[in-house]
Amino acid sequence: MESLRTPQYLAEVVRTERRDQGMDQRTLALVANVSVRSVFRIENAQETVRLDTLLRVLQALGLELQVHHRGGR
């Protein structure tokens, strides 16, 4: 998987995974215990998303966010 470089890339990953799992935005919101508007914001790369909300959505999809040093450090 390509490394995360833009909010748009993260949005596409979330949208694709949700669709691959056969969920609509409402279902994902229910599973993640977040608002439908939050799912919409994440999938549209809007800046007004709380980190805890993003992490709940990722967890509901079976995804995780990893942070690594650049350049092999």
C-alpha atoms as a PDB file:
ATOM      1  CA  MET A   1       0.000   0.000   0.000  1.00  0.00           C
ATOM      2  CA  GLU A   2       1.204   3.469  -0.876  1.00  0.00           C
ATOM      3  CA  SER A   3       2.218   5.626   2.059  1.00  0.00           C
ATOM      4  CA  LEU A   4      -0.150   8.340   3.181  1.00  0.00           C
ATOM      5  CA  ARG A   5       0.881  11.638   1.651  1.00  0.00           C
ATOM      6  CA  THR A   6      -2.323  13.656   1.333  1.00  0.00           C
ATOM      7  CA  PRO A   7      -5.726  13.949   2.966  1.00  0.00           C
ATOM      8  CA  GLN A   8      -7.199  13.032  -0.424  1.00  0.00           C
ATOM      9  CA  TYR A   9      -5.341   9.719  -0.411  1.00  0.00           C
ATOM     10  CA  LEU A  10      -6.623   8.891   3.077  1.00  0.00           C
ATOM     11  CA  ALA A  11     -10.142   9.826   1.956  1.00  0.00           C
ATOM     12  CA  GLU A  12      -9.897   7.455  -1.006  1.00  0.00           C
ATOM     13  CA  VAL A  13      -8.615   4.605   1.175  1.00  0.00           C
ATOM     14  CA  VAL A  14     -11.531   5.008   3.600  1.00  0.00           C
ATOM     15  CA  ARG A  15     -14.131   5.322   0.820  1.00  0.00           C
ATOM     16  CA  THR A  16     -12.768   2.318  -1.095  1.00  0.00           C
ATOM     17  CA  GLU A  17     -12.562   0.112   1.996  1.00  0.00           C
ATOM     18  CA  ARG A  18     -16.097   1.067   3.077  1.00  0.00           C
ATOM     19  CA  ARG A  19     -17.478   0.212  -0.347  1.00  0.00           C
ATOM     20  CA  ASP A  20     -15.467  -3.021  -0.538  1.00  0.00           C
ATOM     21  CA  GLN A  21     -17.060  -4.054   2.759  1.00  0.00           C
ATOM     22  CA  GLY A  22     -20.518  -3.306   1.366  1.00  0.00           C
ATOM     23  CA  MET A  23     -21.284  -0.446   3.739  1.00  0.00           C
ATOM     24  CA  ASP A  24     -22.905   2.868   3.043  1.00  0.00           C
ATOM     25  CA  GLN A  25     -21.828   5.966   4.985  1.00  0.00           C
ATOM     26  CA  ARG A  26     -24.689   5.602   7.451  1.00  0.00           C
ATOM     27  CA  THR A  27     -23.772   2.026   8.320  1.00  0.00           C
ATOM     28  CA  LEU A  28     -20.113   2.921   8.815  1.00  0.00           C
ATOM     29  CA  ALA A  29     -21.128   5.817  11.050  1.00  0.00           C
ATOM     30  CA  LEU A  30     -23.238   3.478  13.177  1.00  0.00           C
ATOM     31  CA  VAL A  31     -20.474   0.870  13.458  1.00  0.00           C
ATOM     32  CA  ALA A  32     -17.859   3.513  14.318  1.00  0.00           C
ATOM     33  CA  ASN A  33     -20.211   5.418  16.649  1.00  0.00           C
ATOM     34  CA  VAL A  34     -19.673   8.692  14.806  1.00  0.00           C
ATOM     35  CA  SER A  35     -21.974  10.980  12.836  1.00  0.00           C
ATOM     36  CA  VAL A  36     -22.707  10.420   9.160  1.00  0.00           C
ATOM     37  CA  ARG A  37     -21.397  13.948   8.612  1.00  0.00           C
ATOM     38  CA  SER A  38     -18.036  12.877  10.094  1.00  0.00           C
ATOM     39  CA  VAL A  39     -17.787   9.981   7.640  1.00  0.00           C
ATOM     40  CA  PHE A  40     -18.670  12.382   4.815  1.00  0.00           C
ATOM     41  CA  ARG A  41     -15.956  14.816   5.965  1.00  0.00           C
ATOM     42  CA  ILE A  42     -13.319  12.078   6.105  1.00  0.00           C
ATOM     43  CA  GLU A  43     -14.242  10.746   2.670  1.00  0.00           C
ATOM     44  CA  ASN A  44     -14.121  14.256   1.213  1.00  0.00           C
ATOM     45  CA  ALA A  45     -10.788  15.169   2.832  1.00  0.00           C
ATOM     46  CA  GLN A  46     -12.274  18.058   4.769  1.00  0.00           C
ATOM     47  CA  GLU A  47     -10.091  19.608   7.453  1.00  0.00           C
ATOM     48  CA  THR A  48     -12.723  19.585  10.203  1.00  0.00           C
ATOM     49  CA  VAL A  49     -12.272  15.996  11.357  1.00  0.00           C
ATOM     50  CA  ARG A  50     -11.175  15.154  14.885  1.00  0.00           C
ATOM     51  CA  LEU A  51      -8.370  12.647  15.225  1.00  0.00           C
ATOM     52  CA  ASP A  52     -10.362  10.432  17.604  1.00  0.00           C
ATOM     53  CA  THR A  53     -13.209  10.340  15.081  1.00  0.00           C
ATOM     54  CA  LEU A  54     -10.835   9.352  12.282  1.00  0.00           C
ATOM     55  CA  LEU A  55      -9.329   6.608  14.433  1.00  0.00           C
ATOM     56  CA  ARG A  56     -12.792   5.197  15.267  1.00  0.00           C
ATOM     57  CA  VAL A  57     -13.686   5.073  11.568  1.00  0.00           C
ATOM     58  CA  LEU A  58     -10.411   3.375  10.691  1.00  0.00           C
ATOM     59  CA  GLN A  59     -10.899   0.837  13.476  1.00  0.00           C
ATOM     60  CA  ALA A  60     -14.456   0.096  12.315  1.00  0.00           C
ATOM     61  CA  LEU A  61     -13.028  -0.688   8.866  1.00  0.00           C
ATOM     62  CA  GLY A  62     -10.256  -2.880  10.265  1.00  0.00           C
ATOM     63  CA  LEU A  63      -7.612  -0.326   9.304  1.00  0.00           C
ATOM     64  CA  GLU A  64      -4.954   1.354  11.402  1.00  0.00           C
ATOM     65  CA  LEU A  65      -2.916   4.523  11.111  1.00  0.00           C
ATOM     66  CA  GLN A  66       0.847   4.105  11.403  1.00  0.00           C
ATOM     67  CA  VAL A  67       3.479   6.803  11.765  1.00  0.00           C
ATOM     68  CA  HIS A  68       7.068   6.217  10.677  1.00  0.00           C
ATOM     69  CA  HIS A  69      10.160   8.354  10.331  1.00  0.00           C
ATOM     70  CA  ARG A  70      11.048   9.247   6.789  1.00  0.00           C
ATOM     71  CA  GLY A  71      14.313   8.059   5.352  1.00  0.00           C
ATOM     72  CA  GLY A  72      14.663   4.830   7.297  1.00  0.00           C
ATOM     73  CA  ARG A  73      15.303   6.413  10.659  1.00  0.00           C
END
